[in-house]
N, C-alpha and C. Protein backbone atom coordinates (compact mmCIF):
# COMPACT_ATOMS: atom_id res chain seq x y z
N UNK A 1 0.94 -11.55 16.35
CA UNK A 1 1.68 -10.31 16.40
C UNK A 1 0.86 -9.33 17.03
N UNK A 2 1.78 -8.69 18.09
CA UNK A 2 1.01 -7.94 18.97
C UNK A 2 0.92 -6.24 18.16
N UNK A 3 -0.40 -5.45 18.91
CA UNK A 3 -0.58 -4.47 18.11
C UNK A 3 0.90 -3.38 18.47
N UNK A 4 1.30 -3.72 19.25
CA UNK A 4 2.59 -2.81 19.46
C UNK A 4 3.98 -2.86 18.85
N UNK A 5 4.22 -4.20 18.43
CA UNK A 5 4.89 -4.71 17.34
C UNK A 5 4.48 -4.15 15.85
N UNK A 6 3.64 -4.51 15.44
CA UNK A 6 2.53 -3.98 14.43
C UNK A 6 3.39 -2.81 14.17
N UNK A 7 3.26 -1.52 15.25
CA UNK A 7 2.98 -0.52 14.90
C UNK A 7 4.45 0.03 14.55
N UNK A 8 5.09 -0.76 15.36
CA UNK A 8 7.10 -0.54 15.29
C UNK A 8 7.04 -0.72 13.97
N UNK A 9 7.23 -1.87 13.36
CA UNK A 9 7.44 -2.57 12.32
C UNK A 9 6.88 -1.59 11.08
N UNK A 10 5.65 -1.14 11.18
CA UNK A 10 5.05 -0.50 10.02
C UNK A 10 5.53 1.10 10.35
N UNK A 11 5.68 1.74 11.42
CA UNK A 11 6.13 2.97 11.21
C UNK A 11 7.90 2.87 10.86
N UNK A 12 8.67 2.22 10.96
CA UNK A 12 10.04 1.80 10.19
C UNK A 12 9.81 1.43 8.72
N UNK A 13 8.83 0.97 8.47
CA UNK A 13 9.02 0.67 6.86
C UNK A 13 8.32 2.13 6.51
N UNK A 14 7.82 2.66 7.46
CA UNK A 14 6.69 3.87 6.21
C UNK A 14 7.85 5.29 6.55
N UNK A 15 8.79 5.37 7.05
CA UNK A 15 9.66 6.25 6.99
C UNK A 15 10.84 5.84 6.06
N UNK A 16 11.06 4.52 5.92
CA UNK A 16 12.02 3.99 4.68
C UNK A 16 10.88 4.57 3.35
N UNK A 17 9.97 4.10 3.30
CA UNK A 17 8.90 4.19 2.37
C UNK A 17 9.00 5.56 2.01
N UNK A 18 9.04 6.83 2.56
CA UNK A 18 8.58 7.86 2.54
C UNK A 18 10.01 8.62 2.28
N UNK A 19 11.04 7.73 2.59
CA UNK A 19 12.51 9.00 2.80
C UNK A 19 12.55 8.29 0.52
N UNK A 20 12.23 7.44 0.56
CA UNK A 20 12.74 6.76 -1.01
C UNK A 20 11.55 7.62 -1.72
N UNK A 21 10.47 7.58 -1.50
CA UNK A 21 9.35 8.99 -2.28
C UNK A 21 10.10 10.37 -2.14
N UNK A 22 10.59 10.52 -1.21
CA UNK A 22 10.52 12.26 -0.80
C UNK A 22 11.84 12.36 -1.67
N UNK A 23 13.10 11.93 -1.49
CA UNK A 23 14.12 12.00 -2.24
C UNK A 23 14.56 11.47 -3.67
N UNK A 24 13.57 10.83 -4.11
CA UNK A 24 13.60 10.59 -5.36
C UNK A 24 14.29 9.37 -5.53
N UNK A 25 14.81 8.20 -4.74
CA UNK A 25 15.68 7.42 -4.14
C UNK A 25 15.42 6.44 -5.65
N UNK A 26 16.60 5.95 -6.03
CA UNK A 26 16.40 4.70 -6.95
C UNK A 26 16.35 3.75 -6.00
N UNK A 27 15.53 2.20 -6.32
CA UNK A 27 15.15 1.67 -5.69
C UNK A 27 15.39 -0.04 -6.59
N UNK A 28 16.35 -0.93 -5.98
CA UNK A 28 16.31 -1.94 -7.00
C UNK A 28 15.74 -3.23 -7.02
N UNK A 29 15.76 -3.93 -7.83
CA UNK A 29 15.14 -4.98 -7.50
C UNK A 29 14.49 -5.96 -5.95
N UNK A 30 16.47 -6.41 -5.90
CA UNK A 30 16.44 -6.86 -4.59
C UNK A 30 15.67 -6.19 -2.77
N UNK A 31 15.81 -4.61 -3.08
CA UNK A 31 15.17 -3.84 -2.04
C UNK A 31 13.34 -4.04 -2.37
N UNK A 32 12.98 -4.58 -3.29
CA UNK A 32 12.07 -4.50 -3.40
C UNK A 32 11.34 -5.86 -3.09
N UNK A 33 12.47 -6.76 -3.17
CA UNK A 33 11.81 -8.41 -2.49
C UNK A 33 11.71 -7.60 -1.14
N UNK A 34 12.89 -7.09 -0.39
CA UNK A 34 12.98 -6.98 0.70
C UNK A 34 11.74 -6.49 1.71
N UNK A 35 10.96 -5.04 1.11
CA UNK A 35 10.24 -4.55 1.15
C UNK A 35 8.86 -5.35 1.67
N UNK A 36 8.80 -6.28 0.16
CA UNK A 36 7.32 -7.24 -0.11
C UNK A 36 7.58 -8.46 1.28
N UNK A 37 9.36 -8.70 1.69
CA UNK A 37 9.36 -9.82 2.31
C UNK A 37 8.52 -9.25 3.95
N UNK A 38 8.88 -7.70 4.07
CA UNK A 38 8.71 -7.27 5.44
C UNK A 38 6.82 -7.22 5.69
N UNK A 39 6.24 -6.84 4.58
CA UNK A 39 4.70 -6.63 4.46
C UNK A 39 4.22 -8.23 4.15
N UNK A 40 4.71 -9.29 4.07
CA UNK A 40 4.10 -10.36 4.22
C UNK A 40 4.51 -10.85 5.42
N UNK A 41 5.49 -11.21 5.92
CA UNK A 41 6.19 -11.89 6.66
C UNK A 41 5.90 -11.23 7.85
N UNK A 42 6.45 -9.98 7.94
CA UNK A 42 6.29 -8.89 9.86
C UNK A 42 4.66 -8.64 9.78
N UNK A 43 4.15 -7.68 8.58
CA UNK A 43 2.97 -7.17 8.79
C UNK A 43 1.87 -8.44 8.17
N UNK A 44 2.07 -9.73 7.92
CA UNK A 44 1.07 -10.79 7.54
C UNK A 44 -0.23 -10.41 6.43
N UNK A 45 0.79 -9.23 5.57
CA UNK A 45 -0.12 -8.62 4.12
C UNK A 45 0.24 -9.49 3.13
N UNK A 46 -0.77 -10.08 2.68
CA UNK A 46 -0.89 -11.09 1.79
C UNK A 46 -0.97 -10.60 0.28
N UNK A 47 0.62 -10.15 0.07
CA UNK A 47 0.90 -9.94 -1.54
C UNK A 47 1.23 -10.93 -2.27
N UNK A 48 0.91 -10.47 -3.64
CA UNK A 48 1.03 -11.12 -4.80
C UNK A 48 2.46 -11.37 -4.94
N UNK A 49 2.75 -12.76 -5.19
CA UNK A 49 4.15 -13.01 -5.25
C UNK A 49 5.17 -12.52 -6.33
N UNK A 50 4.66 -12.18 -7.30
CA UNK A 50 5.07 -11.51 -8.32
C UNK A 50 4.98 -9.95 -8.85
N UNK A 51 3.77 -9.49 -7.97
CA UNK A 51 3.78 -7.97 -8.12
C UNK A 51 3.84 -7.49 -6.65
N UNK A 52 3.88 -7.89 -5.89
CA UNK A 52 4.06 -7.68 -4.63
C UNK A 52 3.91 -6.00 -4.15
N UNK A 53 5.22 -5.29 -4.55
CA UNK A 53 5.26 -3.88 -4.24
C UNK A 53 6.07 -2.99 -5.19
N UNK A 54 5.00 -1.63 -5.65
CA UNK A 54 5.20 -0.78 -6.30
C UNK A 54 5.92 0.49 -6.30
N UNK A 55 7.11 0.85 -6.24
CA UNK A 55 7.11 2.45 -5.73
C UNK A 55 7.16 3.51 -6.57
N UNK A 56 6.79 4.37 -6.97
CA UNK A 56 5.77 5.43 -8.37
C UNK A 56 6.61 6.40 -7.63
N UNK A 57 6.54 7.80 -8.42
CA UNK A 57 7.28 8.81 -8.10
C UNK A 57 6.14 9.49 -6.86
N UNK A 58 5.00 8.98 -5.98
CA UNK A 58 4.55 10.38 -5.37
C UNK A 58 3.86 9.00 -4.07
N UNK A 59 3.97 7.50 -4.43
CA UNK A 59 3.32 6.68 -3.73
C UNK A 59 4.01 5.34 -4.22
N UNK A 60 3.47 4.61 -3.03
CA UNK A 60 3.70 3.66 -3.48
C UNK A 60 2.27 2.45 -3.74
N UNK A 61 2.37 0.97 -4.24
CA UNK A 61 1.07 0.37 -4.72
C UNK A 61 1.40 -0.92 -3.78
N UNK A 62 0.49 -1.30 -2.81
CA UNK A 62 0.56 -3.04 -2.80
C UNK A 62 -0.40 -3.40 -3.87
N UNK A 63 -0.15 -5.02 -4.07
CA UNK A 63 -0.73 -5.88 -4.59
C UNK A 63 -1.13 -7.10 -4.11
N UNK A 64 -2.35 -6.89 -3.21
CA UNK A 64 -2.98 -8.24 -2.18
C UNK A 64 -3.68 -8.73 -2.84
N UNK A 65 -3.26 -10.09 -2.38
CA UNK A 65 -4.43 -11.34 -2.63
C UNK A 65 -5.44 -11.14 -1.69
N UNK A 66 -6.58 -11.02 -2.40
CA UNK A 66 -7.97 -11.12 -1.49
C UNK A 66 -8.42 -12.22 -0.86
N UNK A 67 -7.79 -13.61 -1.04
CA UNK A 67 -8.18 -14.44 -0.82
C UNK A 67 -7.64 -14.74 0.65
N UNK A 68 -8.92 -14.99 1.94
CA UNK A 68 -8.76 -15.43 3.21
C UNK A 68 -8.35 -14.09 3.51
N UNK A 69 -8.13 -13.04 3.05
CA UNK A 69 -7.84 -11.49 3.96
C UNK A 69 -8.46 -10.81 5.16
N UNK A 70 -7.74 -10.42 6.30
CA UNK A 70 -8.76 -10.22 7.10
C UNK A 70 -8.46 -8.97 6.64
N UNK A 71 -9.68 -8.10 6.52
CA UNK A 71 -9.80 -7.11 6.55
C UNK A 71 -9.31 -5.77 7.16
N UNK A 72 -9.46 -6.12 8.62
CA UNK A 72 -8.68 -5.38 9.56
C UNK A 72 -7.51 -5.50 9.78
N UNK A 73 -6.68 -6.00 8.97
CA UNK A 73 -5.15 -5.82 8.71
C UNK A 73 -5.36 -4.45 7.51
N UNK A 74 -5.62 -4.38 7.06
CA UNK A 74 -5.91 -3.50 5.88
C UNK A 74 -6.17 -1.58 6.56
N UNK A 75 -7.01 -2.17 7.66
CA UNK A 75 -7.19 -0.83 8.66
C UNK A 75 -5.77 -0.73 9.46
N UNK A 76 -5.87 -1.85 9.90
CA UNK A 76 -4.34 -1.37 10.80
C UNK A 76 -3.40 -0.87 10.01
N UNK A 77 -2.97 -1.23 8.96
CA UNK A 77 -1.99 -0.72 7.85
C UNK A 77 -2.16 0.37 7.12
N UNK A 78 -3.33 1.26 6.83
CA UNK A 78 -4.01 2.39 6.73
C UNK A 78 -3.72 3.30 8.32
N UNK A 79 -3.89 2.63 9.40
CA UNK A 79 -3.84 3.50 10.31
C UNK A 79 -2.26 4.08 10.43
N UNK A 80 -1.71 2.56 10.20
CA UNK A 80 0.12 3.25 11.16
C UNK A 80 1.03 3.55 9.76
N UNK A 81 0.14 4.15 8.43
CA UNK A 81 0.57 4.71 7.43
C UNK A 81 -0.15 5.93 7.53
N UNK A 82 0.38 6.83 8.37
CA UNK A 82 -0.57 7.94 8.28
C UNK A 82 0.14 8.83 8.10
N UNK A 83 1.47 8.74 7.36
CA UNK A 83 1.95 9.77 6.36
C UNK A 83 1.15 10.00 5.08
N UNK A 84 0.95 8.94 4.76
CA UNK A 84 0.43 8.90 3.39
C UNK A 84 -1.12 8.61 3.16
N UNK A 85 -1.76 8.67 1.96
CA UNK A 85 -3.67 8.66 2.01
C UNK A 85 -3.39 7.57 1.38
N UNK A 86 -4.12 6.42 1.70
CA UNK A 86 -4.66 5.09 1.23
C UNK A 86 -5.60 5.05 -0.14
N UNK A 87 -5.80 4.13 -1.02
CA UNK A 87 -7.14 4.91 -1.74
C UNK A 87 -7.04 3.07 -2.58
N UNK A 88 -8.21 2.88 -2.45
CA UNK A 88 -8.33 1.01 -3.67
C UNK A 88 -8.08 1.68 -5.72
N UNK A 89 -7.46 1.09 -6.08
CA UNK A 89 -7.00 1.36 -7.31
C UNK A 89 -7.71 0.30 -8.55
N UNK A 90 -8.41 0.61 -9.43
CA UNK A 90 -9.30 -0.12 -10.50
C UNK A 90 -8.13 -1.61 -11.12
N UNK A 91 -8.49 -2.59 -10.99
CA UNK A 91 -7.39 -3.79 -12.11
C UNK A 91 -8.50 -4.38 -12.48
N UNK A 92 -7.51 -5.14 -13.37
CA UNK A 92 -8.69 -6.38 -14.79
C UNK A 92 -7.84 -7.55 -13.50
N UNK A 93 -7.41 -8.10 -12.91
CA UNK A 93 -7.25 -9.21 -11.76
C UNK A 93 -7.81 -9.48 -10.70
N UNK A 94 -7.75 -10.59 -10.18
CA UNK A 94 -8.99 -11.07 -8.89
C UNK A 94 -7.54 -10.05 -7.51
N UNK A 95 -7.00 -9.36 -7.16
CA UNK A 95 -6.03 -8.50 -6.84
C UNK A 95 -6.46 -7.25 -6.21
N UNK A 96 -6.43 -7.03 -5.07
CA UNK A 96 -6.71 -5.56 -4.64
C UNK A 96 -5.42 -4.78 -4.65
N UNK A 97 -5.39 -3.88 -5.30
CA UNK A 97 -4.30 -2.75 -5.74
C UNK A 97 -4.76 -1.42 -5.12
N UNK A 98 -3.97 -1.36 -3.53
CA UNK A 98 -4.14 -0.73 -3.07
C UNK A 98 -3.11 0.60 -2.78
N UNK A 99 -3.09 2.00 -3.50
CA UNK A 99 -2.23 2.98 -3.57
C UNK A 99 -1.91 3.82 -2.12
N UNK A 100 -0.93 3.64 -1.80
CA UNK A 100 -0.42 5.02 -0.56
C UNK A 100 0.17 5.92 -1.17
N UNK A 101 -0.43 7.37 -1.49
CA UNK A 101 0.15 8.48 -1.52
C UNK A 101 1.32 9.28 -0.72
N UNK A 102 1.93 9.74 -0.90
CA UNK A 102 2.45 10.37 0.25
C UNK A 102 1.83 11.81 0.60
N UNK A 103 1.42 12.26 1.46
CA UNK A 103 0.82 13.67 2.04
C UNK A 103 1.83 14.58 2.17
N UNK A 104 1.37 15.71 1.73
CA UNK A 104 2.43 16.93 1.64
C UNK A 104 2.62 17.13 3.46
């Protein structure tokens, strides 16, 4: 995937997720599956099949499988989601838990 394609898809996804968080919109299970699919299939972020994406009050969390993960992808994702502040969260599993807090 080209850098430009990644940026276009990430920008659209960022807008959707920011809108959900800013407006406290309810998200159903089907919508979460769609977002998980976009991260996995379009952006090539290897999310955990069962956990995937979680949307909470002021942020969203990605549950990333670290096996064969190219960390350059995480840098690209952090750069593309410039309306969010990315950080890693501790967990008890062999999963990277990456939180994206919506910036003011």
